[in-house]
Amino acid sequence: MFVIEFTESAEYDLCHFKKYEQSIILDEIEKQLLCEPSKETRNRKRLEPNNLSKWELRIAEYRIFYDIDETIKTVKVKAVGWK
């Protein structure tokens, strides 16, 4: 199991969504990233090198950008947005 952390900017991004959207996003983050965040799936993919993050999670029209630290079993959510 991994621990999920949010950066301040990701928390700020999340507060701009409606409450029901926040609920959908947070539930799906927990469902998708707690166990195997580094396994590529239809909704999770490793990104080309960039300044934001190494991974993207797609949840309908929402995009979650995150990094993984395998040594301490942590997922750091860096940004949340729309497609």
PDB file of N, CA and C in Angstrom:
ATOM      1  N   MET A   1       0.827  -1.192   0.000  1.00  0.00           N
ATOM      2  CA  MET A   1       0.000   0.000   0.000  1.00  0.00           C
ATOM      3  C   MET A   1       0.871   1.255   0.000  1.00  0.00           C
ATOM      4  N   PHE A   2       0.427   2.218  -0.734  1.00  0.00           N
ATOM      5  CA  PHE A   2       1.118   3.495  -0.827  1.00  0.00           C
ATOM      6  C   PHE A   2       0.365   4.548  -0.014  1.00  0.00           C
ATOM      7  N   VAL A   3       1.095   5.564   0.401  1.00  0.00           N
ATOM      8  CA  VAL A   3       0.503   6.725   1.057  1.00  0.00           C
ATOM      9  C   VAL A   3       0.323   7.790  -0.014  1.00  0.00           C
ATOM     10  N   ILE A   4      -0.821   8.451  -0.021  1.00  0.00           N
ATOM     11  CA  ILE A   4      -1.084   9.495  -1.010  1.00  0.00           C
ATOM     12  C   ILE A   4      -0.979  10.851  -0.329  1.00  0.00           C
ATOM     13  N   GLU A   5      -0.122  11.711  -0.883  1.00  0.00           N
ATOM     14  CA  GLU A   5       0.058  13.070  -0.377  1.00  0.00           C
ATOM     15  C   GLU A   5      -0.300  14.056  -1.477  1.00  0.00           C
ATOM     16  N   PHE A   6      -0.792  15.212  -1.081  1.00  0.00           N
ATOM     17  CA  PHE A   6      -1.129  16.275  -2.021  1.00  0.00           C
ATOM     18  C   PHE A   6      -0.219  17.471  -1.769  1.00  0.00           C
ATOM     19  N   THR A   7       0.325  18.041  -2.831  1.00  0.00           N
ATOM     20  CA  THR A   7       1.069  19.284  -2.682  1.00  0.00           C
ATOM     21  C   THR A   7       0.070  20.409  -2.416  1.00  0.00           C
ATOM     22  N   GLU A   8       0.573  21.544  -1.955  1.00  0.00           N
ATOM     23  CA  GLU A   8      -0.307  22.696  -1.726  1.00  0.00           C
ATOM     24  C   GLU A   8      -0.993  23.119  -3.016  1.00  0.00           C
ATOM     25  N   SER A   9      -0.251  23.089  -4.111  1.00  0.00           N
ATOM     26  CA  SER A   9      -0.849  23.512  -5.383  1.00  0.00           C
ATOM     27  C   SER A   9      -1.936  22.532  -5.836  1.00  0.00           C
ATOM     28  N   ALA A  10      -1.769  21.241  -5.563  1.00  0.00           N
ATOM     29  CA  ALA A  10      -2.808  20.264  -5.916  1.00  0.00           C
ATOM     30  C   ALA A  10      -4.058  20.477  -5.065  1.00  0.00           C
ATOM     31  N   GLU A  11      -3.870  20.779  -3.786  1.00  0.00           N
ATOM     32  CA  GLU A  11      -5.017  21.076  -2.925  1.00  0.00           C
ATOM     33  C   GLU A  11      -5.739  22.329  -3.413  1.00  0.00           C
ATOM     34  N   TYR A  12      -4.971  23.325  -3.829  1.00  0.00           N
ATOM     35  CA  TYR A  12      -5.554  24.558  -4.368  1.00  0.00           C
ATOM     36  C   TYR A  12      -6.342  24.258  -5.646  1.00  0.00           C
ATOM     37  N   ASP A  13      -5.759  23.430  -6.525  1.00  0.00           N
ATOM     38  CA  ASP A  13      -6.456  23.033  -7.757  1.00  0.00           C
ATOM     39  C   ASP A  13      -7.784  22.356  -7.428  1.00  0.00           C
ATOM     40  N   LEU A  14      -7.742  21.458  -6.468  1.00  0.00           N
ATOM     41  CA  LEU A  14      -8.920  20.664  -6.116  1.00  0.00           C
ATOM     42  C   LEU A  14     -10.057  21.526  -5.567  1.00  0.00           C
ATOM     43  N   CYS A  15      -9.716  22.595  -4.856  1.00  0.00           N
ATOM     44  CA  CYS A  15     -10.768  23.424  -4.251  1.00  0.00           C
ATOM     45  C   CYS A  15     -11.583  24.181  -5.299  1.00  0.00           C
ATOM     46  N   HIS A  16     -11.123  24.233  -6.550  1.00  0.00           N
ATOM     47  CA  HIS A  16     -11.861  24.911  -7.611  1.00  0.00           C
ATOM     48  C   HIS A  16     -12.946  24.034  -8.248  1.00  0.00           C
ATOM     49  N   PHE A  17     -12.983  22.774  -7.872  1.00  0.00           N
ATOM     50  CA  PHE A  17     -14.005  21.865  -8.381  1.00  0.00           C
ATOM     51  C   PHE A  17     -15.220  21.885  -7.460  1.00  0.00           C
ATOM     52  N   LYS A  18     -16.372  21.543  -8.004  1.00  0.00           N
ATOM     53  CA  LYS A  18     -17.580  21.404  -7.190  1.00  0.00           C
ATOM     54  C   LYS A  18     -17.394  20.227  -6.241  1.00  0.00           C
ATOM     55  N   LYS A  19     -18.145  20.226  -5.147  1.00  0.00           N
ATOM     56  CA  LYS A  19     -17.997  19.184  -4.122  1.00  0.00           C
ATOM     57  C   LYS A  19     -18.195  17.780  -4.689  1.00  0.00           C
ATOM     58  N   TYR A  20     -19.189  17.592  -5.536  1.00  0.00           N
ATOM     59  CA  TYR A  20     -19.407  16.245  -6.080  1.00  0.00           C
ATOM     60  C   TYR A  20     -18.259  15.838  -7.004  1.00  0.00           C
ATOM     61  N   GLU A  21     -17.654  16.811  -7.710  1.00  0.00           N
ATOM     62  CA  GLU A  21     -16.491  16.505  -8.552  1.00  0.00           C
ATOM     63  C   GLU A  21     -15.292  16.148  -7.681  1.00  0.00           C
ATOM     64  N   GLN A  22     -15.116  16.882  -6.587  1.00  0.00           N
ATOM     65  CA  GLN A  22     -14.032  16.575  -5.653  1.00  0.00           C
ATOM     66  C   GLN A  22     -14.177  15.153  -5.125  1.00  0.00           C
ATOM     67  N   SER A  23     -15.395  14.775  -4.807  1.00  0.00           N
ATOM     68  CA  SER A  23     -15.661  13.435  -4.295  1.00  0.00           C
ATOM     69  C   SER A  23     -15.300  12.366  -5.325  1.00  0.00           C
ATOM     70  N   ILE A  24     -15.697  12.575  -6.570  1.00  0.00           N
ATOM     71  CA  ILE A  24     -15.366  11.637  -7.650  1.00  0.00           C
ATOM     72  C   ILE A  24     -13.854  11.525  -7.800  1.00  0.00           C
ATOM     73  N   ILE A  25     -13.180  12.662  -7.839  1.00  0.00           N
ATOM     74  CA  ILE A  25     -11.731  12.692  -8.040  1.00  0.00           C
ATOM     75  C   ILE A  25     -11.013  12.000  -6.891  1.00  0.00           C
ATOM     76  N   LEU A  26     -11.351  12.351  -5.658  1.00  0.00           N
ATOM     77  CA  LEU A  26     -10.668  11.768  -4.497  1.00  0.00           C
ATOM     78  C   LEU A  26     -10.927  10.269  -4.374  1.00  0.00           C
ATOM     79  N   ASP A  27     -12.152   9.846  -4.629  1.00  0.00           N
ATOM     80  CA  ASP A  27     -12.462   8.412  -4.578  1.00  0.00           C
ATOM     81  C   ASP A  27     -11.654   7.639  -5.614  1.00  0.00           C
ATOM     82  N   GLU A  28     -11.559   8.192  -6.801  1.00  0.00           N
ATOM     83  CA  GLU A  28     -10.841   7.498  -7.874  1.00  0.00           C
ATOM     84  C   GLU A  28      -9.331   7.511  -7.635  1.00  0.00           C
ATOM     85  N   ILE A  29      -8.803   8.601  -7.089  1.00  0.00           N
ATOM     86  CA  ILE A  29      -7.376   8.647  -6.738  1.00  0.00           C
ATOM     87  C   ILE A  29      -7.074   7.532  -5.749  1.00  0.00           C
ATOM     88  N   GLU A  30      -7.894   7.414  -4.730  1.00  0.00           N
ATOM     89  CA  GLU A  30      -7.687   6.367  -3.730  1.00  0.00           C
ATOM     90  C   GLU A  30      -7.796   4.979  -4.361  1.00  0.00           C
ATOM     91  N   LYS A  31      -8.791   4.786  -5.180  1.00  0.00           N
ATOM     92  CA  LYS A  31      -9.016   3.485  -5.827  1.00  0.00           C
ATOM     93  C   LYS A  31      -7.870   3.109  -6.769  1.00  0.00           C
ATOM     94  N   GLN A  32      -7.382   4.065  -7.543  1.00  0.00           N
ATOM     95  CA  GLN A  32      -6.392   3.786  -8.586  1.00  0.00           C
ATOM     96  C   GLN A  32      -4.942   3.803  -8.100  1.00  0.00           C
ATOM     97  N   LEU A  33      -4.636   4.613  -7.069  1.00  0.00           N
ATOM     98  CA  LEU A  33      -3.229   4.847  -6.744  1.00  0.00           C
ATOM     99  C   LEU A  33      -2.740   4.228  -5.440  1.00  0.00           C
ATOM    100  N   LEU A  34      -3.610   3.650  -4.640  1.00  0.00           N
ATOM    101  CA  LEU A  34      -3.162   3.079  -3.370  1.00  0.00           C
ATOM    102  C   LEU A  34      -2.309   1.827  -3.540  1.00  0.00           C
ATOM    103  N   CYS A  35      -2.634   0.973  -4.479  1.00  0.00           N
ATOM    104  CA  CYS A  35      -1.956  -0.325  -4.569  1.00  0.00           C
ATOM    105  C   CYS A  35      -0.850  -0.391  -5.617  1.00  0.00           C
ATOM    106  N   GLU A  36      -1.129  -0.046  -6.840  1.00  0.00           N
ATOM    107  CA  GLU A  36      -0.139  -0.173  -7.918  1.00  0.00           C
ATOM    108  C   GLU A  36      -0.083   1.104  -8.761  1.00  0.00           C
ATOM    109  N   PRO A  37       0.394   2.199  -8.202  1.00  0.00           N
ATOM    110  CA  PRO A  37       0.375   3.461  -8.950  1.00  0.00           C
ATOM    111  C   PRO A  37       1.314   3.484 -10.151  1.00  0.00           C
ATOM    112  N   SER A  38       2.301   2.593 -10.173  1.00  0.00           N
ATOM    113  CA  SER A  38       3.263   2.600 -11.277  1.00  0.00           C
ATOM    114  C   SER A  38       2.921   1.603 -12.383  1.00  0.00           C
ATOM    115  N   LYS A  39       1.800   0.931 -12.259  1.00  0.00           N
ATOM    116  CA  LYS A  39       1.366   0.001 -13.302  1.00  0.00           C
ATOM    117  C   LYS A  39       0.573   0.774 -14.352  1.00  0.00           C
ATOM    118  N   GLU A  40       1.051   0.751 -15.593  1.00  0.00           N
ATOM    119  CA  GLU A  40       0.354   1.466 -16.658  1.00  0.00           C
ATOM    120  C   GLU A  40      -0.939   0.743 -17.007  1.00  0.00           C
ATOM    121  N   THR A  41      -1.999   1.525 -17.131  1.00  0.00           N
ATOM    122  CA  THR A  41      -3.307   1.001 -17.515  1.00  0.00           C
ATOM    123  C   THR A  41      -3.894   1.930 -18.569  1.00  0.00           C
ATOM    124  N   ARG A  42      -5.145   1.686 -18.885  1.00  0.00           N
ATOM    125  CA  ARG A  42      -5.831   2.550 -19.843  1.00  0.00           C
ATOM    126  C   ARG A  42      -5.942   3.981 -19.317  1.00  0.00           C
ATOM    127  N   ASN A  43      -6.027   4.137 -18.000  1.00  0.00           N
ATOM    128  CA  ASN A  43      -6.208   5.457 -17.392  1.00  0.00           C
ATOM    129  C   ASN A  43      -4.963   6.024 -16.720  1.00  0.00           C
ATOM    130  N   ARG A  44      -3.924   5.211 -16.592  1.00  0.00           N
ATOM    131  CA  ARG A  44      -2.674   5.662 -15.973  1.00  0.00           C
ATOM    132  C   ARG A  44      -1.557   5.511 -16.977  1.00  0.00           C
ATOM    133  N   LYS A  45      -0.764   6.561 -17.124  1.00  0.00           N
ATOM    134  CA  LYS A  45       0.360   6.416 -18.046  1.00  0.00           C
ATOM    135  C   LYS A  45       1.546   7.247 -17.593  1.00  0.00           C
ATOM    136  N   ARG A  46       2.714   6.746 -17.952  1.00  0.00           N
ATOM    137  CA  ARG A  46       3.949   7.483 -17.703  1.00  0.00           C
ATOM    138  C   ARG A  46       4.049   8.560 -18.775  1.00  0.00           C
ATOM    139  N   LEU A  47       4.427   9.760 -18.362  1.00  0.00           N
ATOM    140  CA  LEU A  47       4.516  10.882 -19.289  1.00  0.00           C
ATOM    141  C   LEU A  47       5.925  11.042 -19.839  1.00  0.00           C
ATOM    142  N   GLU A  48       6.014  11.709 -20.964  1.00  0.00           N
ATOM    143  CA  GLU A  48       7.314  12.114 -21.496  1.00  0.00           C
ATOM    144  C   GLU A  48       7.944  13.064 -20.475  1.00  0.00           C
ATOM    145  N   PRO A  49       9.273  13.163 -20.446  1.00  0.00           N
ATOM    146  CA  PRO A  49       9.917  14.070 -19.481  1.00  0.00           C
ATOM    147  C   PRO A  49       9.348  15.489 -19.578  1.00  0.00           C
ATOM    148  N   ASN A  50       8.971  16.037 -18.412  1.00  0.00           N
ATOM    149  CA  ASN A  50       8.436  17.398 -18.339  1.00  0.00           C
ATOM    150  C   ASN A  50       8.699  17.958 -16.948  1.00  0.00           C
ATOM    151  N   ASN A  51       8.336  19.207 -16.739  1.00  0.00           N
ATOM    152  CA  ASN A  51       8.611  19.867 -15.460  1.00  0.00           C
ATOM    153  C   ASN A  51       7.560  19.604 -14.393  1.00  0.00           C
ATOM    154  N   LEU A  52       6.424  19.041 -14.763  1.00  0.00           N
ATOM    155  CA  LEU A  52       5.335  18.887 -13.798  1.00  0.00           C
ATOM    156  C   LEU A  52       5.386  17.556 -13.056  1.00  0.00           C
ATOM    157  N   SER A  53       5.271  16.452 -13.775  1.00  0.00           N
ATOM    158  CA  SER A  53       5.236  15.145 -13.115  1.00  0.00           C
ATOM    159  C   SER A  53       5.600  14.037 -14.095  1.00  0.00           C
ATOM    160  N   LYS A  54       5.763  12.838 -13.537  1.00  0.00           N
ATOM    161  CA  LYS A  54       6.131  11.690 -14.368  1.00  0.00           C
ATOM    162  C   LYS A  54       4.930  10.840 -14.766  1.00  0.00           C
ATOM    163  N   TRP A  55       3.801  11.011 -14.065  1.00  0.00           N
ATOM    164  CA  TRP A  55       2.633  10.169 -14.303  1.00  0.00           C
ATOM    165  C   TRP A  55       1.362  10.992 -14.439  1.00  0.00           C
ATOM    166  N   GLU A  56       0.397  10.434 -15.194  1.00  0.00           N
ATOM    167  CA  GLU A  56      -0.918  11.056 -15.351  1.00  0.00           C
ATOM    168  C   GLU A  56      -1.991  10.003 -15.106  1.00  0.00           C
ATOM    169  N   LEU A  57      -3.021  10.396 -14.370  1.00  0.00           N
ATOM    170  CA  LEU A  57      -4.200   9.562 -14.158  1.00  0.00           C
ATOM    171  C   LEU A  57      -5.383  10.276 -14.793  1.00  0.00           C
ATOM    172  N   ARG A  58      -6.103   9.558 -15.662  1.00  0.00           N
ATOM    173  CA  ARG A  58      -7.306  10.113 -16.297  1.00  0.00           C
ATOM    174  C   ARG A  58      -8.531   9.612 -15.547  1.00  0.00           C
ATOM    175  N   ILE A  59      -9.388  10.552 -15.165  1.00  0.00           N
ATOM    176  CA  ILE A  59     -10.671  10.222 -14.543  1.00  0.00           C
ATOM    177  C   ILE A  59     -11.711  11.021 -15.313  1.00  0.00           C
ATOM    178  N   ALA A  60     -12.368  10.372 -16.270  1.00  0.00           N
ATOM    179  CA  ALA A  60     -13.321  11.056 -17.166  1.00  0.00           C
ATOM    180  C   ALA A  60     -12.618  12.255 -17.793  1.00  0.00           C
ATOM    181  N   GLU A  61     -13.150  13.479 -17.578  1.00  0.00           N
ATOM    182  CA  GLU A  61     -12.514  14.656 -18.178  1.00  0.00           C
ATOM    183  C   GLU A  61     -11.471  15.294 -17.260  1.00  0.00           C
ATOM    184  N   TYR A  62     -11.200  14.688 -16.115  1.00  0.00           N
ATOM    185  CA  TYR A  62     -10.233  15.229 -15.155  1.00  0.00           C
ATOM    186  C   TYR A  62      -8.865  14.581 -15.367  1.00  0.00           C
ATOM    187  N   ARG A  63      -7.826  15.338 -15.038  1.00  0.00           N
ATOM    188  CA  ARG A  63      -6.461  14.828 -15.139  1.00  0.00           C
ATOM    189  C   ARG A  63      -5.747  15.066 -13.817  1.00  0.00           C
ATOM    190  N   ILE A  64      -5.086  14.024 -13.324  1.00  0.00           N
ATOM    191  CA  ILE A  64      -4.321  14.105 -12.091  1.00  0.00           C
ATOM    192  C   ILE A  64      -2.873  13.805 -12.450  1.00  0.00           C
ATOM    193  N   PHE A  65      -1.982  14.683 -12.047  1.00  0.00           N
ATOM    194  CA  PHE A  65      -0.561  14.516 -12.331  1.00  0.00           C
ATOM    195  C   PHE A  65       0.145  14.196 -11.019  1.00  0.00           C
ATOM    196  N   TYR A  66       0.957  13.135 -11.050  1.00  0.00           N
ATOM    197  CA  TYR A  66       1.568  12.678  -9.804  1.00  0.00           C
ATOM    198  C   TYR A  66       2.941  12.067 -10.048  1.00  0.00           C
ATOM    199  N   ASP A  67       3.713  11.984  -8.951  1.00  0.00           N
ATOM    200  CA  ASP A  67       5.002  11.308  -8.939  1.00  0.00           C
ATOM    201  C   ASP A  67       4.946  10.196  -7.900  1.00  0.00           C
ATOM    202  N   ILE A  68       5.824   9.219  -8.063  1.00  0.00           N
ATOM    203  CA  ILE A  68       5.861   8.064  -7.167  1.00  0.00           C
ATOM    204  C   ILE A  68       7.253   7.951  -6.568  1.00  0.00           C
ATOM    205  N   ASP A  69       7.318   7.711  -5.255  1.00  0.00           N
ATOM    206  CA  ASP A  69       8.579   7.397  -4.590  1.00  0.00           C
ATOM    207  C   ASP A  69       8.450   5.965  -4.079  1.00  0.00           C
ATOM    208  N   GLU A  70       9.024   5.032  -4.823  1.00  0.00           N
ATOM    209  CA  GLU A  70       8.907   3.605  -4.491  1.00  0.00           C
ATOM    210  C   GLU A  70       9.609   3.264  -3.177  1.00  0.00           C
ATOM    211  N   THR A  71      10.681   3.987  -2.840  1.00  0.00           N
ATOM    212  CA  THR A  71      11.449   3.641  -1.643  1.00  0.00           C
ATOM    213  C   THR A  71      10.660   3.880  -0.361  1.00  0.00           C
ATOM    214  N   ILE A  72       9.854   4.937  -0.336  1.00  0.00           N
ATOM    215  CA  ILE A  72       9.060   5.206   0.867  1.00  0.00           C
ATOM    216  C   ILE A  72       7.564   4.979   0.630  1.00  0.00           C
ATOM    217  N   LYS A  73       7.238   4.351  -0.517  1.00  0.00           N
ATOM    218  CA  LYS A  73       5.853   3.982  -0.847  1.00  0.00           C
ATOM    219  C   LYS A  73       4.905   5.183  -0.743  1.00  0.00           C
ATOM    220  N   THR A  74       5.261   6.246  -1.467  1.00  0.00           N
ATOM    221  CA  THR A  74       4.468   7.472  -1.442  1.00  0.00           C
ATOM    222  C   THR A  74       4.112   7.916  -2.848  1.00  0.00           C
ATOM    223  N   VAL A  75       2.873   8.345  -3.018  1.00  0.00           N
ATOM    224  CA  VAL A  75       2.406   8.969  -4.254  1.00  0.00           C
ATOM    225  C   VAL A  75       2.160  10.434  -3.929  1.00  0.00           C
ATOM    226  N   LYS A  76       2.801  11.326  -4.672  1.00  0.00           N
ATOM    227  CA  LYS A  76       2.617  12.760  -4.441  1.00  0.00           C
ATOM    228  C   LYS A  76       1.821  13.346  -5.594  1.00  0.00           C
ATOM    229  N   VAL A  77       0.584  13.754  -5.310  1.00  0.00           N
ATOM    230  CA  VAL A  77      -0.269  14.391  -6.313  1.00  0.00           C
ATOM    231  C   VAL A  77       0.181  15.839  -6.431  1.00  0.00           C
ATOM    232  N   LYS A  78       0.553  16.238  -7.657  1.00  0.00           N
ATOM    233  CA  LYS A  78       1.113  17.567  -7.866  1.00  0.00           C
ATOM    234  C   LYS A  78       0.145  18.548  -8.502  1.00  0.00           C
ATOM    235  N   ALA A  79      -0.815  18.054  -9.290  1.00  0.00           N
ATOM    236  CA  ALA A  79      -1.768  18.949  -9.951  1.00  0.00           C
ATOM    237  C   ALA A  79      -3.035  18.184 -10.297  1.00  0.00           C
ATOM    238  N   VAL A  80      -4.147  18.915 -10.288  1.00  0.00           N
ATOM    239  CA  VAL A  80      -5.447  18.362 -10.664  1.00  0.00           C
ATOM    240  C   VAL A  80      -6.083  19.353 -11.624  1.00  0.00           C
ATOM    241  N   GLY A  81      -6.588  18.845 -12.755  1.00  0.00           N
ATOM    242  CA  GLY A  81      -7.180  19.764 -13.717  1.00  0.00           C
ATOM    243  C   GLY A  81      -8.166  19.083 -14.640  1.00  0.00           C
ATOM    244  N   TRP A  82      -8.600  19.845 -15.645  1.00  0.00           N
ATOM    245  CA  TRP A  82      -9.503  19.343 -16.679  1.00  0.00           C
ATOM    246  C   TRP A  82      -8.702  19.052 -17.923  1.00  0.00           C
ATOM    247  N   LYS A  83      -9.265  18.249 -18.789  1.00  0.00           N
ATOM    248  CA  LYS A  83      -8.616  17.976 -20.067  1.00  0.00           C
ATOM    249  C   LYS A  83      -8.673  19.208 -20.922  1.00  0.00           C
TER     250      LYS A  83
END
